[in-house]
């Protein structure tokens, strides 16, 4: 008869039938002394038998257990209907379909237990009102219903959280379309509706302050996971010092953590203690606008710095890259400022990148020539030997041509200390991202692309600069050839401080032509098809085929490239 009904309807029908029986029982018990009809009904229901003092004393615990099981069963059915209502309300929200489906997948089993528990309760009422006074043990039903109830409550919580995230996402989409006071947007971005507390942590005073402190401010949102190096904090500290005096710019750290653990909470507190700027609340806090941060700001786990003005208008998706290169010179950290800085680089882009790598480099870059080189130990030792011979050559000394060497090598101890390799290549990759994303595909991009293709080349590479000007970039074989043939080409032209770079570059061009070109291949961490444009090979001019590389970062060993 009821097979055509939904599981939810079956649960209600069984509960309704039981409620009629249960309701009549207690109603007649309450009014049997004052109303004749109630007294007659009570007699038929066996109420007087149960309410006899000696019987009730014996059966009172069973009645209490019965009542508790009934209430728990009622709560289970209520949860089932809440899930059904959410499923109907958000039927068109594809983002919620999987969550709601998972929450409702055991509905038939849950309803089955509600029905048999209801039948068991009805049987118990009959037994409790009989002369024998025996009753079924409801423990197994109570335990199962309690387990189901707790699971449904947890599923409801998850569903409501996901719904709130979706609502927050849609609200943020709307707010970012129109000028909105920054503080109002920050409240929605950070805090869930059910969270009455709207405070952030002030790293300079080590106290919680109201988010109202961000009113009328330009906000730099430092968004990251907890897997960040202290180098990022060190890079942002000068920005914090630079902006704190005018009080118009505020940095806010938003940590993105999917699931908190005690270790992560400790890590959060350790990082928070090192930041003088604002940070979101406390360990264990979840970010309401995480969906917007991931989908619209393309957060993929790597640190980023989103810049918003006082009206929540986006000024830059990720100003970290320009700060990494120019530091405080990038102020006010807008896309327009980035374009200006890029246009000013041209042949000085390499020196701009390495300014922050080593303090003595800044001194060298005033007048000296500098060879930057890398590769395996065999090649780097060979190159160093040839370059040292060049430096000590009498003609070079007499011409007062000063040449320095800088080896880009990994930290041998792997202890997080001075890792020239990571710092150097991170800067190069940063420049590549900035240029390509800004759609400035010029000679600088070709030079950066060329250099990136040497990153994992064990056969070596080298870059020559004079002062702040880039002279030559080349593979280890061709750059070594130029040094090896020095005593041939130094006879062709009188070398001076002014023309050494030009002559070296001409000789390198000749070496490249004689060797023949080799098409490039390189991998950019964090690059996606939606982020980077199609690239053209700097050697042959053909469009390069795109690959993605994956690297496991759980250990320090270099992962193989997977293409």
Protein backbone atom coordinates (compact mmCIF):
# COMPACT_ATOMS: atom_id res chain seq x y z
CA UNK A 1 0.00 0.00 0.00
CA UNK A 2 2.76 2.46 0.90
CA UNK A 3 5.35 1.20 -1.60
CA UNK A 4 4.61 4.06 -4.00
CA UNK A 5 5.45 6.67 -1.38
CA UNK A 6 8.90 8.17 -0.84
CA UNK A 7 11.01 7.00 2.07
CA UNK A 8 10.38 10.29 3.85
CA UNK A 9 6.62 9.80 3.48
CA UNK A 10 6.86 6.24 4.80
CA UNK A 11 8.64 7.53 7.90
CA UNK A 12 5.93 10.13 8.49
CA UNK A 13 3.09 7.62 8.00
CA UNK A 14 4.59 5.21 10.53
CA UNK A 15 5.22 8.03 12.98
CA UNK A 16 1.70 9.40 12.49
CA UNK A 17 0.15 6.01 13.22
CA UNK A 18 2.26 5.66 16.33
CA UNK A 19 1.57 9.25 17.42
CA UNK A 20 -2.16 8.56 17.38
CA UNK A 21 -1.69 5.59 19.69
CA UNK A 22 0.88 7.32 21.88
CA UNK A 23 -1.05 10.59 22.04
CA UNK A 24 -4.33 8.94 23.04
CA UNK A 25 -2.50 7.03 25.74
CA UNK A 26 -1.04 10.09 27.48
CA UNK A 27 -4.03 12.33 26.86
CA UNK A 28 -6.38 9.88 28.53
CA UNK A 29 -3.88 9.44 31.37
CA UNK A 30 -3.90 13.19 32.06
CA UNK A 31 -7.69 13.64 31.97
CA UNK A 32 -9.06 10.35 33.33
CA UNK A 33 -9.82 11.89 36.74
CA UNK A 34 -11.80 14.85 35.35
CA UNK A 35 -13.61 13.49 32.30
CA UNK A 36 -15.73 10.35 32.06
CA UNK A 37 -14.91 9.81 28.38
CA UNK A 38 -11.19 10.07 29.09
CA UNK A 39 -11.63 7.63 31.96
CA UNK A 40 -13.33 5.12 29.66
CA UNK A 41 -10.66 5.48 26.98
CA UNK A 42 -7.95 5.17 29.62
CA UNK A 43 -9.50 1.94 30.83
CA UNK A 44 -9.48 0.54 27.31
CA UNK A 45 -5.86 1.59 26.85
CA UNK A 46 -4.76 -0.04 30.09
CA UNK A 47 -3.68 3.26 31.63
CA UNK A 48 -4.94 2.43 35.17
CA UNK A 49 -2.78 -0.69 35.20
CA UNK A 50 0.37 1.27 34.36
CA UNK A 51 -0.42 4.09 36.78
CA UNK A 52 -0.89 1.89 39.79
CA UNK A 53 1.85 3.02 42.21
CA UNK A 54 3.39 -0.42 42.55
CA UNK A 55 3.32 -0.97 38.77
CA UNK A 56 4.62 2.50 37.84
CA UNK A 57 7.49 2.12 40.27
CA UNK A 58 8.54 -1.05 38.48
CA UNK A 59 7.86 0.19 34.97
CA UNK A 60 8.81 3.88 35.29
CA UNK A 61 12.35 3.43 33.91
CA UNK A 62 10.97 1.57 30.89
CA UNK A 63 8.53 4.44 30.26
CA UNK A 64 11.40 6.97 30.41
CA UNK A 65 13.51 4.90 28.01
CA UNK A 66 10.52 4.62 25.71
CA UNK A 67 10.04 8.39 25.72
CA UNK A 68 13.74 9.02 24.97
CA UNK A 69 13.74 6.62 22.04
CA UNK A 70 10.61 8.24 20.65
CA UNK A 71 12.16 11.73 20.88
CA UNK A 72 15.38 10.57 19.19
CA UNK A 73 13.38 8.92 16.41
CA UNK A 74 11.44 12.13 15.92
CA UNK A 75 14.72 14.07 15.64
CA UNK A 76 16.01 11.61 13.04
CA UNK A 77 12.90 12.12 10.91
CA UNK A 78 13.25 15.89 11.33
CA UNK A 79 16.86 15.72 10.07
CA UNK A 80 15.76 13.60 7.12
CA UNK A 81 13.18 16.22 6.18
CA UNK A 82 15.69 19.05 6.57
CA UNK A 83 18.00 17.28 4.14
CA UNK A 84 15.12 16.72 1.74
CA UNK A 85 14.19 20.40 1.94
CA UNK A 86 17.79 21.46 1.27
CA UNK A 87 17.96 19.03 -1.64
CA UNK A 88 14.86 20.57 -3.22
CA UNK A 89 15.88 24.17 -2.49
CA UNK A 90 19.38 23.78 -3.94
CA UNK A 91 18.54 21.29 -6.67
CA UNK A 92 20.02 23.57 -9.35
CA UNK A 93 23.25 24.26 -7.45
CA UNK A 94 25.68 21.83 -9.08
CA UNK A 95 28.33 22.72 -6.48
CA UNK A 96 26.14 21.15 -3.77
CA UNK A 97 24.87 18.06 -5.57
CA UNK A 98 27.62 15.74 -4.39
CA UNK A 99 27.45 16.96 -0.79
CA UNK A 100 23.66 16.63 -0.63
CA UNK A 101 23.73 13.26 -2.39
CA UNK A 102 26.24 11.91 0.12
CA UNK A 103 24.11 13.18 2.99
CA UNK A 104 20.97 11.46 1.62
CA UNK A 105 22.48 8.21 0.35
CA UNK A 106 21.44 6.24 3.47
CA UNK A 107 17.92 7.68 3.73
CA UNK A 108 16.23 4.34 3.00
CA UNK A 109 18.22 2.58 5.72
CA UNK A 110 17.60 5.39 8.18
CA UNK A 111 13.85 5.33 7.51
CA UNK A 112 13.82 1.56 7.90
CA UNK A 113 15.30 1.91 11.38
CA UNK A 114 12.82 4.65 12.23
CA UNK A 115 9.92 2.39 11.24
CA UNK A 116 11.06 -0.71 13.11
CA UNK A 117 11.93 1.43 16.14
CA UNK A 118 8.45 2.94 16.03
CA UNK A 119 6.91 -0.54 15.84
CA UNK A 120 9.05 -1.64 18.79
CA UNK A 121 7.90 1.40 20.79
CA UNK A 122 4.22 0.68 19.98
CA UNK A 123 4.68 -2.92 21.10
CA UNK A 124 6.27 -1.71 24.32
CA UNK A 125 3.29 0.50 25.12
CA UNK A 126 1.00 -2.51 24.78
CA UNK A 127 3.23 -4.60 27.03
CA UNK A 128 3.65 -1.88 29.65
CA UNK A 129 -0.13 -1.48 30.00
CA UNK A 130 -0.78 -5.21 30.35
CA UNK A 131 -1.10 -7.13 33.60
CA UNK A 132 2.17 -8.96 32.92
CA UNK A 133 4.08 -5.68 32.63
CA UNK A 134 6.84 -7.18 30.50
CA UNK A 135 8.56 -4.97 27.94
CA UNK A 136 10.98 -5.28 25.05
CA UNK A 137 14.53 -4.08 25.65
CA UNK A 138 14.88 -0.96 23.48
CA UNK A 139 18.64 -0.61 23.98
CA UNK A 140 19.60 -1.85 20.50
CA UNK A 141 17.06 0.48 18.92
CA UNK A 142 18.17 3.41 21.07
CA UNK A 143 21.82 2.84 20.17
CA UNK A 144 21.16 2.55 16.45
CA UNK A 145 18.88 5.60 16.38
CA UNK A 146 21.48 7.61 18.32
CA UNK A 147 24.20 6.65 15.83
CA UNK A 148 21.97 7.62 12.91
CA UNK A 149 20.99 10.90 14.58
CA UNK A 150 24.60 11.92 15.25
CA UNK A 151 25.59 11.09 11.68
CA UNK A 152 22.65 13.03 10.24
CA UNK A 153 23.44 16.04 12.41
CA UNK A 154 27.03 15.99 11.16
CA UNK A 155 25.86 15.70 7.56
CA UNK A 156 23.44 18.56 8.06
CA UNK A 157 26.26 20.65 9.49
CA UNK A 158 28.45 19.90 6.48
CA UNK A 159 25.62 20.72 4.07
CA UNK A 160 24.83 24.00 5.80
CA UNK A 161 28.51 24.96 5.81
CA UNK A 162 28.78 24.24 2.09
CA UNK A 163 25.59 26.19 1.45
CA UNK A 164 26.97 29.12 3.42
CA UNK A 165 30.19 28.96 1.42
CA UNK A 166 28.17 29.05 -1.79
CA UNK A 167 26.04 31.93 -0.52
CA UNK A 168 29.19 33.76 0.53
CA UNK A 169 30.69 33.13 -2.89
CA UNK A 170 27.64 34.52 -4.69
CA UNK A 171 27.54 37.51 -2.34
CA UNK A 172 31.22 38.27 -2.95
CA UNK A 173 30.70 37.95 -6.71
CA UNK A 174 27.99 40.57 -6.38
CA UNK A 175 29.93 42.90 -4.08
CA UNK A 176 33.06 42.92 -6.23
CA UNK A 177 30.97 44.14 -9.17
CA UNK A 178 30.21 47.43 -7.44
CA UNK A 179 32.27 49.75 -5.20
CA UNK A 180 31.75 48.53 -1.64
CA UNK A 181 33.35 49.70 1.60
CA UNK A 182 36.36 47.45 2.17
CA UNK A 183 35.44 46.51 5.73
CA UNK A 184 32.05 45.13 4.66
CA UNK A 185 33.68 42.93 2.04
CA UNK A 186 36.31 41.73 4.49
CA UNK A 187 33.64 40.64 6.97
CA UNK A 188 31.95 38.48 4.35
CA UNK A 189 35.24 37.18 2.95
CA UNK A 190 36.60 36.05 6.31
CA UNK A 191 33.77 35.31 8.72
CA UNK A 192 30.87 32.85 8.58
CA UNK A 193 27.40 34.20 9.42
CA UNK A 194 27.13 32.09 12.55
CA UNK A 195 30.41 33.53 13.86
CA UNK A 196 29.52 36.59 15.91
CA UNK A 197 33.20 37.39 16.53
CA UNK A 198 34.68 39.72 13.90
CA UNK A 199 38.16 40.31 15.23
CA UNK A 200 41.58 40.03 13.64
CA UNK A 201 44.98 39.71 15.29
CA UNK A 202 47.28 42.74 15.31
CA UNK A 203 50.81 41.39 15.06
CA UNK A 204 52.35 44.67 16.22
CA UNK A 205 50.49 44.72 19.55
CA UNK A 206 49.78 40.97 19.85
CA UNK A 207 46.14 41.76 20.58
CA UNK A 208 42.79 41.08 18.93
CA UNK A 209 41.23 44.13 17.32
CA UNK A 210 37.92 44.68 15.57
CA UNK A 211 37.91 44.37 11.81
CA UNK A 212 36.54 47.91 11.77
CA UNK A 213 40.22 48.96 11.84
CA UNK A 214 40.28 48.21 8.10
CA UNK A 215 37.62 50.80 7.33
CA UNK A 216 38.77 53.24 4.59
CA UNK A 217 42.05 51.33 4.14
CA UNK A 218 43.73 49.84 1.10
CA UNK A 219 44.17 46.18 1.97
CA UNK A 220 46.94 43.80 0.90
CA UNK A 221 45.62 40.27 1.42
CA UNK A 222 48.53 37.90 1.97
CA UNK A 223 46.91 34.53 1.19
CA UNK A 224 48.80 31.29 1.71
CA UNK A 225 48.77 27.81 3.14
CA UNK A 226 50.87 27.12 6.22
CA UNK A 227 53.60 25.69 3.98
CA UNK A 228 55.44 28.96 3.44
CA UNK A 229 59.08 29.82 3.90
CA UNK A 230 60.14 32.66 6.14
CA UNK A 231 61.53 34.31 3.02
CA UNK A 232 58.00 35.49 2.18
CA UNK A 233 57.67 37.11 5.59
CA UNK A 234 61.09 38.72 5.16
CA UNK A 235 60.06 40.10 1.75
CA UNK A 236 56.84 41.57 3.13
CA UNK A 237 58.38 43.12 6.24
CA UNK A 238 59.91 46.10 4.35
CA UNK A 239 56.53 46.63 2.69
CA UNK A 240 54.89 46.67 6.12
CA UNK A 241 57.47 49.16 7.42
CA UNK A 242 57.06 51.29 4.29
CA UNK A 243 53.26 51.49 4.48
CA UNK A 244 52.62 51.66 8.22
CA UNK A 245 53.58 55.33 8.53
CA UNK A 246 50.94 56.70 6.15
CA UNK A 247 48.34 54.35 7.71
CA UNK A 248 46.49 54.00 4.41
CA UNK A 249 47.63 50.46 3.61
CA UNK A 250 47.18 47.38 5.77
CA UNK A 251 48.49 43.85 5.26
CA UNK A 252 46.21 40.98 6.34
CA UNK A 253 47.36 37.36 6.36
CA UNK A 254 44.64 34.87 5.43
CA UNK A 255 45.81 31.29 6.03
CA UNK A 256 43.99 28.68 3.96
CA UNK A 257 43.70 25.39 5.85
CA UNK A 258 41.25 22.70 4.77
CA UNK A 259 41.48 20.61 7.93
CA UNK A 260 43.11 21.74 11.15
CA UNK A 261 45.29 19.51 13.33
CA UNK A 262 47.24 20.23 16.51
CA UNK A 263 50.46 20.36 14.50
CA UNK A 264 48.96 22.84 12.04
CA UNK A 265 47.61 24.96 14.87
CA UNK A 266 51.09 25.11 16.37
CA UNK A 267 52.56 25.96 12.97
CA UNK A 268 49.99 28.73 12.52
CA UNK A 269 50.87 30.26 15.88
CA UNK A 270 54.58 30.09 15.07
CA UNK A 271 54.09 31.89 11.75
CA UNK A 272 51.65 34.40 13.23
CA UNK A 273 54.17 35.36 15.92
CA UNK A 274 56.64 36.38 13.18
CA UNK A 275 54.21 38.69 11.37
CA UNK A 276 53.85 42.31 12.54
CA UNK A 277 50.78 42.88 10.37
CA UNK A 278 47.17 41.75 10.79
CA UNK A 279 46.33 38.06 10.65
CA UNK A 280 42.98 36.31 10.64
CA UNK A 281 41.92 35.46 14.16
CA UNK A 282 43.19 32.30 15.71
CA UNK A 283 44.24 28.76 14.94
CA UNK A 284 41.36 26.59 13.80
CA UNK A 285 39.54 29.41 12.02
CA UNK A 286 38.01 28.57 8.64
CA UNK A 287 37.69 31.20 5.92
CA UNK A 288 34.15 31.83 4.67
CA UNK A 289 35.22 33.04 1.23
CA UNK A 290 37.59 30.18 0.45
CA UNK A 291 35.61 29.24 -2.67
CA UNK A 292 35.95 32.77 -4.07
CA UNK A 293 39.64 32.90 -3.19
CA UNK A 294 40.29 29.63 -5.02
CA UNK A 295 38.05 30.05 -8.04
CA UNK A 296 38.14 33.77 -8.78
CA UNK A 297 41.59 34.66 -7.47
CA UNK A 298 43.07 31.34 -8.63
CA UNK A 299 44.67 30.45 -5.30
CA UNK A 300 46.42 27.10 -5.79
CA UNK A 301 48.34 26.79 -2.54
CA UNK A 302 51.17 29.12 -3.44
CA UNK A 303 51.41 32.45 -1.57
CA UNK A 304 49.79 35.43 -3.24
CA UNK A 305 49.11 39.07 -2.39
CA UNK A 306 45.74 40.41 -3.56
CA UNK A 307 45.52 44.20 -3.48
CA UNK A 308 42.15 45.89 -2.87
CA UNK A 309 41.50 49.61 -2.60
CA UNK A 310 39.20 51.28 -0.07
CA UNK A 311 36.16 50.42 -2.21
CA UNK A 312 37.14 46.76 -2.62
CA UNK A 313 38.15 47.26 -6.23
CA UNK A 314 40.83 44.83 -7.34
CA UNK A 315 44.15 46.55 -7.98
CA UNK A 316 46.29 43.45 -8.47
CA UNK A 317 45.63 39.70 -8.40
CA UNK A 318 49.08 38.93 -7.05
CA UNK A 319 51.47 41.74 -6.20
CA UNK A 320 53.93 39.33 -4.57
CA UNK A 321 55.72 38.87 -7.87
CA UNK A 322 56.37 42.56 -8.39
CA UNK A 323 57.33 42.98 -4.72
CA UNK A 324 59.74 40.07 -5.11
CA UNK A 325 61.51 41.95 -7.88
CA UNK A 326 61.14 45.64 -7.01
CA UNK A 327 60.28 45.67 -3.31
CA UNK A 328 58.97 49.04 -2.11
CA UNK A 329 59.57 50.53 -5.56
CA UNK A 330 56.42 48.64 -6.60
CA UNK A 331 54.22 50.87 -4.39
CA UNK A 332 51.20 51.28 -4.68
CA UNK A 333 51.27 47.68 -6.01
CA UNK A 334 48.78 48.15 -8.84
CA UNK A 335 48.77 46.54 -12.27
CA UNK A 336 49.43 49.97 -13.79
CA UNK A 337 52.55 50.36 -11.66
CA UNK A 338 53.70 46.91 -12.71
CA UNK A 339 53.39 47.82 -16.39
CA UNK A 340 55.46 50.98 -15.82
CA UNK A 341 58.18 49.01 -14.06
CA UNK A 342 58.26 46.38 -16.78
CA UNK A 343 58.64 48.98 -19.51
CA UNK A 344 61.60 50.49 -17.67
CA UNK A 345 63.55 47.22 -17.56
CA UNK A 346 64.51 46.05 -21.05
CA UNK A 347 68.25 45.19 -20.84
CA UNK A 348 68.39 45.64 -17.03
CA UNK A 349 65.80 43.01 -16.12
CA UNK A 350 68.38 40.47 -14.97
CA UNK A 351 70.09 42.82 -12.53
CA UNK A 352 66.70 43.89 -11.19
CA UNK A 353 65.96 40.26 -10.31
CA UNK A 354 69.21 39.55 -8.52
CA UNK A 355 69.38 42.74 -6.46
CA UNK A 356 68.09 40.92 -3.39
CA UNK A 357 70.05 37.68 -3.74
CA UNK A 358 73.40 38.72 -2.28
CA UNK A 359 74.53 42.07 -0.85
CA UNK A 360 77.96 41.97 -2.49
CA UNK A 361 76.34 41.62 -5.92
CA UNK A 362 75.02 45.16 -5.61
CA UNK A 363 78.58 46.44 -5.20
CA UNK A 364 79.84 44.39 -8.14
CA UNK A 365 77.04 45.57 -10.41
CA UNK A 366 78.24 49.17 -10.32
CA UNK A 367 81.06 48.64 -12.85
CA UNK A 368 82.16 45.02 -12.92
CA UNK A 369 81.41 42.23 -15.33
CA UNK A 370 79.82 39.25 -13.57
CA UNK A 371 79.48 35.69 -14.78
CA UNK A 372 76.52 33.85 -13.26
CA UNK A 373 76.81 30.15 -13.95
CA UNK A 374 75.39 26.80 -12.92
CA UNK A 375 75.24 23.11 -13.79
CA UNK A 376 76.71 19.93 -12.39
CA UNK A 377 79.96 20.05 -10.44
CA UNK A 378 82.05 18.76 -13.34
CA UNK A 379 80.98 21.50 -15.73
CA UNK A 380 81.00 24.32 -13.15
CA UNK A 381 84.56 23.43 -12.15
CA UNK A 382 85.64 23.45 -15.80
CA UNK A 383 83.92 26.79 -16.40
CA UNK A 384 85.42 28.29 -13.24
CA UNK A 385 88.89 27.21 -14.34
CA UNK A 386 88.49 28.86 -17.76
CA UNK A 387 86.88 32.00 -16.33
CA UNK A 388 89.59 32.34 -13.68
CA UNK A 389 92.22 32.09 -16.39
CA UNK A 390 90.43 34.90 -18.22
CA UNK A 391 90.32 37.04 -15.08
CA UNK A 392 94.07 36.57 -14.52
CA UNK A 393 94.99 37.20 -18.15
CA UNK A 394 97.51 40.04 -18.54
CA UNK A 395 95.50 41.80 -21.26
CA UNK A 396 92.37 41.76 -19.08
CA UNK A 397 94.32 43.11 -16.12
CA UNK A 398 96.07 45.81 -18.15
CA UNK A 399 92.71 46.88 -19.58
CA UNK A 400 91.39 47.08 -16.00
CA UNK A 401 88.49 44.83 -16.92
CA UNK A 402 87.11 43.57 -13.61
CA UNK A 403 85.32 40.22 -13.82
CA UNK A 404 83.59 38.41 -10.93
CA UNK A 405 82.14 34.91 -10.72
CA UNK A 406 78.90 33.89 -9.03
CA UNK A 407 78.01 30.20 -8.85
CA UNK A 408 74.27 29.47 -8.63
CA UNK A 409 74.30 26.28 -6.58
CA UNK A 410 72.02 24.43 -4.24
CA UNK A 411 72.51 24.53 -0.50
CA UNK A 412 74.66 21.43 0.08
CA UNK A 413 73.39 20.97 3.64
CA UNK A 414 69.75 21.28 2.53
CA UNK A 415 69.02 22.97 5.87
CA UNK A 416 67.00 25.90 4.60
CA UNK A 417 70.03 28.21 4.66
CA UNK A 418 71.43 30.23 1.75
CA UNK A 419 70.05 28.32 -1.22
CA UNK A 420 71.24 30.34 -4.19
CA UNK A 421 69.66 27.90 -6.63
CA UNK A 422 66.09 28.22 -5.32
CA UNK A 423 66.30 31.97 -4.80
CA UNK A 424 67.79 32.61 -8.22
CA UNK A 425 65.37 30.45 -10.21
CA UNK A 426 62.39 31.64 -8.21
CA UNK A 427 63.22 35.19 -9.30
CA UNK A 428 63.55 34.13 -12.95
CA UNK A 429 60.22 32.26 -12.86
CA UNK A 430 58.61 35.30 -11.23
CA UNK A 431 59.70 37.52 -14.10
CA UNK A 432 58.36 34.99 -16.61
CA UNK A 433 54.94 34.94 -14.91
CA UNK A 434 54.74 38.73 -14.78
CA UNK A 435 55.69 39.25 -18.40
CA UNK A 436 53.47 36.53 -19.84
CA UNK A 437 50.42 37.31 -17.70
CA UNK A 438 50.75 41.00 -18.62
CA UNK A 439 50.88 39.82 -22.28
CA UNK A 440 54.23 41.56 -22.86
CA UNK A 441 55.80 38.97 -25.15
CA UNK A 442 59.01 40.84 -26.05
CA UNK A 443 62.76 40.26 -26.13
CA UNK A 444 62.83 40.07 -22.34
CA UNK A 445 60.42 37.13 -22.39
CA UNK A 446 62.55 35.36 -24.97
CA UNK A 447 65.65 35.89 -22.83
CA UNK A 448 63.89 34.67 -19.69
CA UNK A 449 62.49 31.68 -21.57
CA UNK A 450 65.96 30.87 -22.86
CA UNK A 451 67.43 31.02 -19.35
CA UNK A 452 64.64 28.88 -17.89
CA UNK A 453 65.39 26.14 -20.39
CA UNK A 454 68.80 25.76 -18.72
CA UNK A 455 67.48 25.36 -15.17
CA UNK A 456 67.78 21.57 -14.99
CA UNK A 457 70.50 21.25 -17.61
CA UNK A 458 73.47 19.51 -15.97
CA UNK A 459 75.70 20.43 -18.92
CA UNK A 460 75.70 23.99 -17.65
CA UNK A 461 74.72 27.56 -18.50
CA UNK A 462 76.09 31.05 -17.96
CA UNK A 463 74.96 34.68 -17.98
CA UNK A 464 77.26 37.67 -18.40
CA UNK A 465 76.27 41.15 -17.24
CA UNK A 466 78.13 44.45 -17.05
CA UNK A 467 76.95 46.66 -14.24
CA UNK A 468 73.18 46.40 -14.53
CA UNK A 469 73.16 45.61 -18.24
CA UNK A 470 72.67 42.11 -19.63
CA UNK A 471 75.41 41.10 -22.06
CA UNK A 472 74.88 37.44 -22.96
CA UNK A 473 72.91 34.31 -22.01
CA UNK A 474 73.97 30.92 -23.22
CA UNK A 475 74.19 27.18 -22.79
CA UNK A 476 77.24 25.78 -21.07
CA UNK A 477 78.77 24.44 -24.26
CA UNK A 478 78.72 27.72 -26.20
CA UNK A 479 79.70 29.95 -23.27
CA UNK A 480 82.60 27.62 -22.48
CA UNK A 481 83.66 27.65 -26.13
CA UNK A 482 83.95 31.45 -26.09
CA UNK A 483 86.20 31.31 -23.01
CA UNK A 484 88.22 28.46 -24.47
CA UNK A 485 88.86 30.44 -27.68
CA UNK A 486 89.74 33.66 -25.83
CA UNK A 487 93.33 33.75 -27.03
CA UNK A 488 92.03 33.64 -30.60
CA UNK A 489 89.48 36.42 -30.49
CA UNK A 490 91.37 38.75 -28.16
CA UNK A 491 93.85 39.26 -30.99
CA UNK A 492 91.15 40.51 -33.34
CA UNK A 493 90.26 43.65 -31.41
CA UNK A 494 91.72 45.74 -28.61
CA UNK A 495 89.74 44.95 -25.49
CA UNK A 496 88.55 47.70 -23.17
CA UNK A 497 86.12 47.95 -20.27
CA UNK A 498 83.60 49.45 -22.67
CA UNK A 499 83.78 46.92 -25.51
CA UNK A 500 84.58 43.63 -23.73
CA UNK A 501 80.90 42.77 -23.37
CA UNK A 502 80.12 43.57 -26.99
CA UNK A 503 83.04 41.50 -28.26
CA UNK A 504 82.15 38.57 -26.00
CA UNK A 505 78.52 38.66 -27.20
CA UNK A 506 79.62 38.65 -30.85
CA UNK A 507 81.88 35.66 -30.24
CA UNK A 508 79.06 33.86 -28.46
CA UNK A 509 76.74 34.48 -31.41
CA UNK A 510 79.32 32.90 -33.68
CA UNK A 511 79.64 29.87 -31.39
CA UNK A 512 75.86 29.39 -31.39
CA UNK A 513 75.70 29.47 -35.20
CA UNK A 514 78.48 26.92 -35.47
CA UNK A 515 76.86 24.62 -32.90
CA UNK A 516 73.31 24.86 -34.21
CA UNK A 517 70.24 25.59 -32.12
CA UNK A 518 68.51 23.21 -29.76
CA UNK A 519 64.81 23.86 -29.09
CA UNK A 520 63.93 24.68 -25.50
CA UNK A 521 61.95 22.81 -22.91
CA UNK A 522 61.13 24.17 -19.48
CA UNK A 523 58.69 23.76 -16.63
CA UNK A 524 57.00 26.57 -14.70
CA UNK A 525 55.71 25.70 -11.20
CA UNK A 526 52.10 26.70 -10.69
CA UNK A 527 51.48 27.32 -14.39
CA UNK A 528 48.09 26.38 -15.80
CA UNK A 529 46.55 26.57 -19.21
CA UNK A 530 44.37 29.48 -18.13
CA UNK A 531 47.38 31.37 -16.76
CA UNK A 532 49.98 31.26 -19.50
CA UNK A 533 49.74 32.08 -23.15
CA UNK A 534 51.01 29.81 -25.93
CA UNK A 535 54.80 30.15 -26.11
CA UNK A 536 57.02 30.35 -29.18
CA UNK A 537 60.44 28.65 -29.18
CA UNK A 538 63.17 31.31 -28.92
CA UNK A 539 65.35 29.30 -31.33
CA UNK A 540 63.15 28.09 -34.21
CA UNK A 541 60.04 30.26 -33.80
CA UNK A 542 57.55 27.37 -33.71
CA UNK A 543 54.76 27.19 -31.14
CA UNK A 544 55.91 25.07 -28.20
CA UNK A 545 53.92 22.08 -27.02
CA UNK A 546 52.70 22.58 -23.44
CA UNK A 547 53.24 20.05 -20.66
CA UNK A 548 52.52 20.05 -16.94
CA UNK A 549 55.07 18.77 -14.46
CA UNK A 550 54.23 17.35 -11.05
CA UNK A 551 56.58 17.33 -8.08
CA UNK A 552 56.16 15.70 -4.67
CA UNK A 553 57.35 18.09 -1.96
CA UNK A 554 57.14 15.70 1.00
CA UNK A 555 60.83 14.93 0.85
CA UNK A 556 63.89 16.85 -0.18
CA UNK A 557 64.90 14.57 -3.03
CA UNK A 558 64.38 15.90 -6.49
CA UNK A 559 61.31 14.36 -8.09
CA UNK A 560 61.53 13.15 -11.68
CA UNK A 561 59.84 15.27 -14.31
CA UNK A 562 56.54 13.73 -15.40
CA UNK A 563 55.25 14.85 -18.79
